Amino acid sequence: CSVCKCNFISFLLGTGSSILSALQDLFWLSKSKVEKQLQIISVLQWVLTFLIMGVACTLILMYILCTDCWAIAALYLAWLVFDWNTPKKGGRRSQWVRNWAIWRYFRDYFPIRLVKTHNLLTTRNYIFGYHPHGIMGLGAFCNFSTEATGVGQKFPGIRPYLATLAGNFRMPILRDYLMSGGICPVNRDSIDYILSKNGSGNAIIIVVGGAAESLNCTPGKNSVTLKNRKGFVKLALRHGADLVPVYSFGENEVYKQVIFEEGSWGRWVQKKFQKHIGFAPCIFHGRGLFSSNTWGLLPYSKPITTVVGEPITIPKIDNPSQREVDFYHSIYVDSLIKLFDKYKSKFGLPETEVLEVN
């Protein structure tokens, strides 16, 4: 009968809709899982780059020299000699590399955000003081060595240069990879060149606390190594580059590490490495590759929010006295504390939280 036919058709249509809805749900679930895996892969490749790429590339190059393909390695070494001073002269950034899609997956894994509080004039040069270091400076890399968080759009006309250990630029292949992101050596020659011979609109990002600060980073702790770190202020005065305090909320939350007490053998070994090699070996862990409930090298997916504060106008003084350095250093410290206090409650910290300055 016609009633039965209508009921049967309605049943088919209803079933079809249910199946379609289920397939759509399955599709979106699958897409979400794929995106999560891409995020994990993007972060894993960067962690491995940070930890082993330099040594691995050096060993591979040495091996190729002992094979029938030795000419390839010899050509690269010849190029390396010719190109040796490029990192000290602003490097060789690549907008193509800085805009890779992999960095957007890297950003979304945590996620990482960049917050602008003030405009920066393109007629000035800047030194950004980045705090805290964390284990790997993940926020510093994502925000200033890639375009994933839109640094180019937020600060138009400003060229960011993230400064890192000069020893990284002695490593084959790794040096070229770092330079493509706008990373430069954190030494006087490189900084002098960028601030005096590269025009205006340059911003050098210095992780002021360095290796010493990384030894004390742990979840739930907001402390910076800054009291006796005044070299960046002296550089700013010599070049008349404005100082900009930058604080990354969440940088210390993404890894857990073993903190050795002062005077212990572990801290002694770390300080010896820091003094002679430039970095301090940390015993740390994050989550595992396949599960967040296991230990591994992947950082925990905790939000990192980097706030760029108000620039401090710095006069140009060719030979600043210690008194002048101390004066502008105190202004910088006060500005950093004010920045922290203004934004701490917005990014999950209680109003009673105090920034510890060591």
Foldseek 3Di string as FASTA:
>chain_A
DVVVVVVVVVVVVVVVVVVVVVVVVVVVVVVVVVLLLLLLVLLVVVLCLQPPVLVVQVVVLVVCCVDPNVVVSVVLVVVCVVCVCQLLQQFDAALVLLADVSLLSPCVLQPEEEAEDDADDQQAEEEEAEDDCAQPNSNVCSQQLHCNRPPCPVHPNAHEEEEDAPVQCVGPPSVNSNRRSRYHHPDDSSLCNCLPPVGGRYYYYYNQQAQVSNLPQAPPAFEGAAPPRLPVLQSCQQRQHWYKYKYKPCSSVFKHFDRDDPPDPQVVQQVVCCVPPNHGDTGMWAADSVDRVHTHHRTHSHYIYMYIGDIHGHHHDNGDDPVVSVVVSVVVVVRNQVVCLVCVVVRPHDNPDGYHYD
